[in-house]
Amino acid sequence: MRLVILISKAAFISSAICIGRKAFLLLLSVIVLGSIATEALRAKSIGVKNRKAEFVRVRVKTVKFDHSHRLASAVLTKHVKVSGAASTVNYRGLKANSSDLDKYLTSLQSVAKSDFMKWNKKQQLAFLINAYNLYSLKLIIEHYPLKSIRNIGSVFTNTWNKKFDWLKLFGVQVTLDNIEHDMIREKRGDLSNKLVEVKYEEPRIHFAVNCASIGCPMLPNQAFTAQNLEKKLEKATKLFMSDTSRNRFNAKEKRLEISPIVAKWYKDDFVKYSGGVKKFCAKYMTDDPKVKQAILHEDTVIDDTAYNWNLNE
């Protein structure tokens, strides 16, 4: 009887051990498979994260500035009509569809001062002229309809010295005067320590920047670029100076009647960089040698013509 019991116990223990071994192996298999699956999922997750990180790096990469100024030209071609030495702007149409203008101004604001300083002077000057002209368009449509750009100013601050949240360059809030006088012309003003200091010594810029007025040199229907800068500056200067509605020589009275842009407001630029107002006028107002000589004569007096501040629309 005892022997039977012992045999039964042994069989039970053997069966238990056998069952335990199978259970253990099954458990071990589950653990191993689970571990493999976990590692596979982890590897997949890491791969996805790496791809996401790579995508983010691509998206935040600095965008290279478009020196063709394609968007600016698109705006000007669509909304500016050129007729001889003058041009008009469809401000109503531009106000209704200003997406390209806003995109272009955003691209200007994306340029860092350090990058700007690496460009050649022609690239810099084309950038600044276009900035002035396109920001002027923005200024007008922000206040349109109006009779004159001067209506935007006040008794205390004229239009060109007013600040606007959207008018920025190189991370600094600027004015139109800052762009023209502190950047394009000479360094001066309260923001000059934050602006670029590059001397262009170029009086012809006065026939390239446009103040949205009839009396101003015309706004071209194509943007300035480094490639076309010299040609466009020369053409704009000749067109304006040979326009007898704004500049003329009265031979009988020996009187040079010219725009206040040359005769008064920016006279110093023409004296400093062109050898004097008469010399500049003789070069650009006529091709006739005799008229040139008469303009340069010491008896010739200089007078300024009336300036039309009405909107160029």
Protein backbone atom coordinates (compact mmCIF):
# COMPACT_ATOMS: atom_id res chain seq x y z
CA MET A 1 0.00 0.00 0.00
CA ARG A 2 2.82 2.37 0.97
CA LEU A 3 4.60 1.48 -2.23
CA VAL A 4 1.55 2.34 -4.32
CA ILE A 5 1.24 5.68 -2.53
CA LEU A 6 4.91 6.44 -3.12
CA ILE A 7 4.62 5.57 -6.81
CA SER A 8 1.51 7.77 -7.09
CA LYS A 9 3.31 10.67 -5.43
CA ALA A 10 6.30 10.26 -7.73
CA ALA A 11 4.03 10.23 -10.78
CA PHE A 12 2.25 13.34 -9.54
CA ILE A 13 5.54 15.19 -8.93
CA SER A 14 6.85 14.12 -12.34
CA SER A 15 3.67 15.32 -14.01
CA ALA A 16 3.84 18.60 -12.10
CA ILE A 17 7.45 19.10 -13.12
CA CYS A 18 6.59 18.33 -16.72
CA ILE A 19 3.65 20.70 -16.71
CA GLY A 20 5.76 23.36 -14.97
CA ARG A 21 8.49 23.02 -17.59
CA LYS A 22 5.97 23.48 -20.40
CA ALA A 23 4.40 26.44 -18.68
CA PHE A 24 7.82 27.95 -18.09
CA LEU A 25 8.81 27.49 -21.72
CA LEU A 26 5.51 28.98 -22.84
CA LEU A 27 5.99 31.96 -20.54
CA LEU A 28 9.55 32.39 -21.73
CA SER A 29 8.37 32.35 -25.35
CA VAL A 30 5.79 35.01 -24.62
CA ILE A 31 8.44 37.18 -22.94
CA VAL A 32 10.90 36.80 -25.82
CA LEU A 33 8.27 37.51 -28.47
CA GLY A 34 7.03 40.48 -26.50
CA SER A 35 10.54 41.85 -26.23
CA ILE A 36 11.10 41.45 -29.96
CA ALA A 37 7.81 43.18 -30.73
CA THR A 38 8.63 46.00 -28.32
CA GLU A 39 12.03 46.57 -29.93
CA ALA A 40 10.46 46.55 -33.39
CA LEU A 41 7.90 49.15 -32.35
CA ARG A 42 10.60 51.24 -30.69
CA ALA A 43 12.77 51.12 -33.81
CA LYS A 44 9.81 52.15 -35.93
CA SER A 45 9.00 54.99 -33.55
CA ILE A 46 12.60 56.25 -33.64
CA GLY A 47 12.54 56.18 -37.42
CA VAL A 48 9.37 58.25 -37.52
CA LYS A 49 10.78 60.73 -35.01
CA ASN A 50 13.96 61.10 -37.04
CA ARG A 51 11.98 61.73 -40.20
CA LYS A 52 9.86 64.33 -38.40
CA ALA A 53 12.95 66.08 -37.05
CA GLU A 54 14.49 66.07 -40.50
CA PHE A 55 11.31 67.62 -41.93
CA VAL A 56 11.35 70.36 -39.30
CA ARG A 57 14.97 71.19 -40.09
CA VAL A 58 14.10 71.60 -43.75
CA ARG A 59 11.15 73.85 -42.96
CA VAL A 60 13.06 76.24 -40.70
CA LYS A 61 15.99 76.52 -43.11
CA THR A 62 16.74 80.15 -44.04
CA VAL A 63 15.04 81.13 -47.29
CA LYS A 64 17.35 82.68 -49.87
CA PHE A 65 16.19 86.14 -50.94
CA ASP A 66 14.90 86.44 -54.50
CA HIS A 67 17.10 89.10 -56.11
CA SER A 68 14.94 89.04 -59.24
CA HIS A 69 12.25 90.78 -57.14
CA ARG A 70 9.69 88.73 -59.06
CA LEU A 71 6.79 89.50 -56.73
CA ALA A 72 7.50 93.22 -56.83
CA SER A 73 7.47 93.18 -60.63
CA ALA A 74 4.21 91.19 -60.59
CA VAL A 75 2.58 93.90 -58.46
CA LEU A 76 3.93 96.76 -60.56
CA THR A 77 3.11 95.16 -63.91
CA LYS A 78 -0.46 94.50 -62.85
CA HIS A 79 -1.27 97.83 -61.21
CA VAL A 80 1.01 100.47 -62.79
CA LYS A 81 0.35 102.04 -66.19
CA VAL A 82 3.24 103.89 -67.83
CA SER A 83 2.65 106.71 -70.30
CA GLY A 84 5.73 108.58 -71.49
CA ALA A 85 7.49 110.20 -68.53
CA ALA A 86 4.60 109.57 -66.14
CA SER A 87 2.76 106.62 -64.64
CA THR A 88 -0.47 106.02 -62.74
CA VAL A 89 -1.39 103.39 -60.18
CA ASN A 90 -4.64 101.47 -59.83
CA TYR A 91 -4.80 101.76 -56.04
CA ARG A 92 -8.38 100.54 -55.91
CA GLY A 93 -7.44 97.32 -57.67
CA LEU A 94 -4.32 96.89 -55.54
CA LYS A 95 -6.28 97.38 -52.34
CA ALA A 96 -8.74 94.69 -53.46
CA ASN A 97 -5.94 92.23 -54.25
CA SER A 98 -2.78 92.91 -52.26
CA SER A 99 -1.62 89.34 -51.61
CA ASP A 100 1.50 89.58 -53.82
CA LEU A 101 2.38 92.95 -52.30
CA ASP A 102 2.09 91.56 -48.77
CA LYS A 103 4.17 88.50 -49.70
CA TYR A 104 6.88 90.70 -51.16
CA LEU A 105 7.02 92.97 -48.12
CA THR A 106 7.25 89.88 -45.90
CA SER A 107 10.22 88.70 -47.98
CA LEU A 108 11.91 92.07 -47.43
CA GLN A 109 11.42 91.75 -43.68
CA SER A 110 12.96 88.27 -43.69
CA VAL A 111 16.35 89.68 -44.73
CA ALA A 112 18.81 89.98 -41.86
CA LYS A 113 21.13 92.98 -41.69
CA SER A 114 24.14 90.63 -41.67
CA ASP A 115 22.98 89.03 -44.94
CA PHE A 116 22.26 92.41 -46.53
CA MET A 117 25.79 93.58 -45.76
CA LYS A 118 27.20 90.61 -47.71
CA TRP A 119 25.46 91.67 -50.93
CA ASN A 120 27.12 93.87 -53.53
CA LYS A 121 26.07 97.53 -53.73
CA LYS A 122 23.82 97.06 -56.74
CA GLN A 123 21.86 94.33 -54.95
CA GLN A 124 21.59 96.51 -51.86
CA LEU A 125 20.44 99.61 -53.72
CA ALA A 126 17.86 97.71 -55.80
CA PHE A 127 16.53 96.19 -52.57
CA LEU A 128 16.20 99.58 -50.85
CA ILE A 129 14.61 101.37 -53.84
CA ASN A 130 12.02 98.60 -54.22
CA ALA A 131 11.41 98.62 -50.48
CA TYR A 132 10.68 102.35 -50.54
CA ASN A 133 8.40 102.13 -53.57
CA LEU A 134 6.44 99.06 -52.50
CA TYR A 135 6.06 100.23 -48.90
CA SER A 136 4.70 103.50 -50.33
CA LEU A 137 2.08 101.50 -52.22
CA LYS A 138 1.19 99.71 -48.99
CA LEU A 139 0.91 103.03 -47.19
CA ILE A 140 -1.52 104.38 -49.76
CA ILE A 141 -3.85 101.36 -49.87
CA GLU A 142 -3.92 101.27 -46.07
CA HIS A 143 -5.46 104.77 -46.16
CA TYR A 144 -7.22 104.70 -49.53
CA PRO A 145 -9.22 106.53 -50.76
CA LEU A 146 -7.36 109.81 -50.30
CA LYS A 147 -6.36 112.82 -52.39
CA SER A 148 -2.69 113.03 -51.48
CA ILE A 149 -0.08 111.03 -49.60
CA ARG A 150 0.44 114.10 -47.43
CA ASN A 151 -3.05 113.62 -45.97
CA ILE A 152 -1.74 110.62 -44.03
CA GLY A 153 0.50 112.86 -41.93
CA SER A 154 -0.47 115.23 -39.15
CA VAL A 155 0.46 118.66 -37.82
CA PHE A 156 3.13 117.05 -35.62
CA THR A 157 4.45 114.27 -37.89
CA ASN A 158 4.60 114.27 -41.67
CA THR A 159 3.73 111.15 -43.66
CA TRP A 160 7.32 110.07 -44.26
CA ASN A 161 8.23 110.18 -40.56
CA LYS A 162 5.23 108.18 -39.34
CA LYS A 163 5.75 104.67 -38.01
CA PHE A 164 3.52 101.71 -38.77
CA ASP A 165 3.60 98.19 -37.32
CA TRP A 166 3.98 96.67 -40.79
CA LEU A 167 6.83 98.94 -41.90
CA LYS A 168 10.01 97.11 -40.87
CA LEU A 169 13.46 96.31 -42.24
CA PHE A 170 16.30 94.36 -40.64
CA GLY A 171 14.18 93.69 -37.55
CA VAL A 172 13.67 97.40 -36.87
CA GLN A 173 10.48 99.43 -37.18
CA VAL A 174 11.32 102.16 -39.70
CA THR A 175 9.76 105.05 -41.60
CA LEU A 176 9.92 105.92 -45.29
CA ASP A 177 12.34 108.71 -44.38
CA ASN A 178 14.57 106.17 -42.66
CA ILE A 179 14.76 104.12 -45.85
CA GLU A 180 15.48 107.11 -48.09
CA HIS A 181 17.70 109.24 -45.87
CA ASP A 182 19.28 106.84 -43.37
CA MET A 183 19.89 104.00 -45.82
CA ILE A 184 19.87 105.14 -49.44
CA ARG A 185 21.41 108.59 -48.91
CA GLU A 186 23.49 109.53 -45.84
CA LYS A 187 23.48 108.08 -42.35
CA ARG A 188 21.45 110.31 -40.04
CA GLY A 189 18.48 110.23 -37.67
CA ASP A 190 17.63 108.62 -34.35
CA LEU A 191 17.68 105.08 -35.78
CA SER A 192 20.97 105.41 -37.63
CA ASN A 193 22.83 103.26 -35.11
CA LYS A 194 20.50 100.37 -35.96
CA LEU A 195 20.47 100.84 -39.73
CA VAL A 196 22.98 99.99 -42.41
CA GLU A 197 25.74 102.44 -43.19
CA VAL A 198 26.69 102.12 -46.84
CA LYS A 199 27.42 105.17 -48.98
CA TYR A 200 26.01 104.85 -52.47
CA GLU A 201 26.73 108.44 -53.58
CA GLU A 202 24.06 108.15 -56.26
CA PRO A 203 21.95 111.27 -56.99
CA ARG A 204 19.91 109.44 -59.64
CA ILE A 205 18.05 107.58 -56.89
CA HIS A 206 15.83 110.67 -56.63
CA PHE A 207 14.28 109.63 -59.95
CA ALA A 208 13.83 106.03 -58.84
CA VAL A 209 12.06 106.38 -55.49
CA ASN A 210 8.41 107.30 -55.89
CA CYS A 211 6.32 109.29 -53.40
CA ALA A 212 2.93 108.36 -54.91
CA SER A 213 2.42 111.86 -56.33
CA ILE A 214 1.97 113.30 -59.81
CA GLY A 215 4.93 115.64 -59.33
CA CYS A 216 7.22 112.75 -58.44
CA PRO A 217 9.30 110.86 -61.01
CA MET A 218 7.24 108.00 -62.39
CA LEU A 219 6.87 104.66 -60.69
CA PRO A 220 8.11 102.03 -63.19
CA ASN A 221 6.06 98.91 -63.95
CA GLN A 222 9.05 96.65 -63.32
CA ALA A 223 11.14 96.26 -60.17
CA PHE A 224 14.77 97.32 -59.89
CA THR A 225 17.36 94.53 -59.82
CA ALA A 226 21.14 94.47 -59.63
CA GLN A 227 21.20 93.59 -63.33
CA ASN A 228 18.96 96.42 -64.57
CA LEU A 229 19.84 99.06 -61.95
CA GLU A 230 22.22 101.19 -64.03
CA LYS A 231 20.01 101.13 -67.11
CA LYS A 232 16.83 101.95 -65.18
CA LEU A 233 18.46 104.75 -63.16
CA GLU A 234 19.76 106.38 -66.32
CA LYS A 235 16.46 105.99 -68.16
CA ALA A 236 14.38 107.30 -65.22
CA THR A 237 16.65 110.34 -64.85
CA LYS A 238 16.53 111.25 -68.55
CA LEU A 239 12.77 110.78 -68.73
CA PHE A 240 12.12 113.03 -65.77
CA MET A 241 14.64 115.73 -66.54
CA SER A 242 13.57 115.98 -70.20
CA ASP A 243 9.88 116.30 -69.25
CA THR A 244 9.13 119.96 -70.04
CA SER A 245 6.06 119.97 -67.81
CA ARG A 246 8.41 119.76 -64.84
CA ASN A 247 11.84 120.85 -66.13
CA ARG A 248 12.62 123.40 -68.84
CA PHE A 249 15.15 126.00 -69.89
CA ASN A 250 13.93 129.47 -70.79
CA ALA A 251 16.67 130.68 -73.14
CA LYS A 252 15.20 134.16 -73.57
CA GLU A 253 15.17 134.83 -69.82
CA LYS A 254 18.23 132.66 -69.17
CA ARG A 255 16.23 130.84 -66.56
CA LEU A 256 16.48 127.17 -65.61
CA GLU A 257 13.04 126.17 -64.34
CA ILE A 258 13.30 122.77 -62.70
CA SER A 259 11.59 120.52 -60.19
CA PRO A 260 12.21 121.35 -56.52
CA ILE A 261 13.62 117.82 -56.23
CA VAL A 262 16.72 119.12 -58.00
CA ALA A 263 16.52 122.85 -57.41
CA LYS A 264 15.82 122.81 -53.68
CA TRP A 265 15.03 119.67 -51.68
CA TYR A 266 18.03 117.54 -52.69
CA LYS A 267 20.24 120.22 -54.18
CA ASP A 268 23.18 119.21 -51.99
CA ASP A 269 23.25 115.71 -53.52
CA PHE A 270 23.60 117.12 -57.04
CA VAL A 271 26.27 119.56 -55.93
CA LYS A 272 28.21 116.87 -54.08
CA TYR A 273 27.99 114.00 -56.55
CA SER A 274 27.32 115.63 -59.95
CA GLY A 275 29.39 118.80 -59.86
CA GLY A 276 26.40 121.09 -59.41
CA VAL A 277 22.75 121.51 -60.40
CA LYS A 278 23.51 123.20 -63.75
CA LYS A 279 25.97 120.51 -64.76
CA PHE A 280 23.47 117.80 -63.89
CA CYS A 281 20.69 119.55 -65.83
CA ALA A 282 22.89 120.15 -68.86
CA LYS A 283 23.68 116.45 -68.99
CA TYR A 284 20.14 115.13 -68.73
CA MET A 285 17.76 117.82 -70.01
CA THR A 286 19.01 118.10 -73.58
CA ASP A 287 21.31 116.63 -76.22
CA ASP A 288 21.78 119.99 -77.94
CA PRO A 289 25.37 121.26 -77.31
CA LYS A 290 24.30 124.92 -77.59
CA VAL A 291 21.52 124.49 -75.03
CA LYS A 292 23.90 122.63 -72.74
CA GLN A 293 26.33 125.56 -72.97
CA ALA A 294 23.58 128.08 -72.26
CA ILE A 295 22.42 126.14 -69.19
CA LEU A 296 25.97 126.11 -67.84
CA HIS A 297 26.44 129.86 -68.38
CA GLU A 298 27.07 131.85 -65.21
CA ASP A 299 24.22 134.23 -65.99
CA THR A 300 21.65 131.42 -65.97
CA VAL A 301 19.48 131.53 -62.87
CA ILE A 302 17.80 128.56 -61.26
CA ASP A 303 14.15 128.53 -60.25
CA ASP A 304 11.88 125.71 -59.11
CA THR A 305 8.61 124.73 -60.73
CA ALA A 306 5.34 123.92 -58.94
CA TYR A 307 5.08 120.44 -57.47
CA ASN A 308 1.84 118.47 -57.81
CA TRP A 309 1.15 116.49 -54.63
CA ASN A 310 -2.08 114.90 -55.90
CA LEU A 311 -2.17 111.10 -55.86
CA ASN A 312 -0.73 109.45 -58.97
CA GLU A 313 -3.83 107.44 -59.85
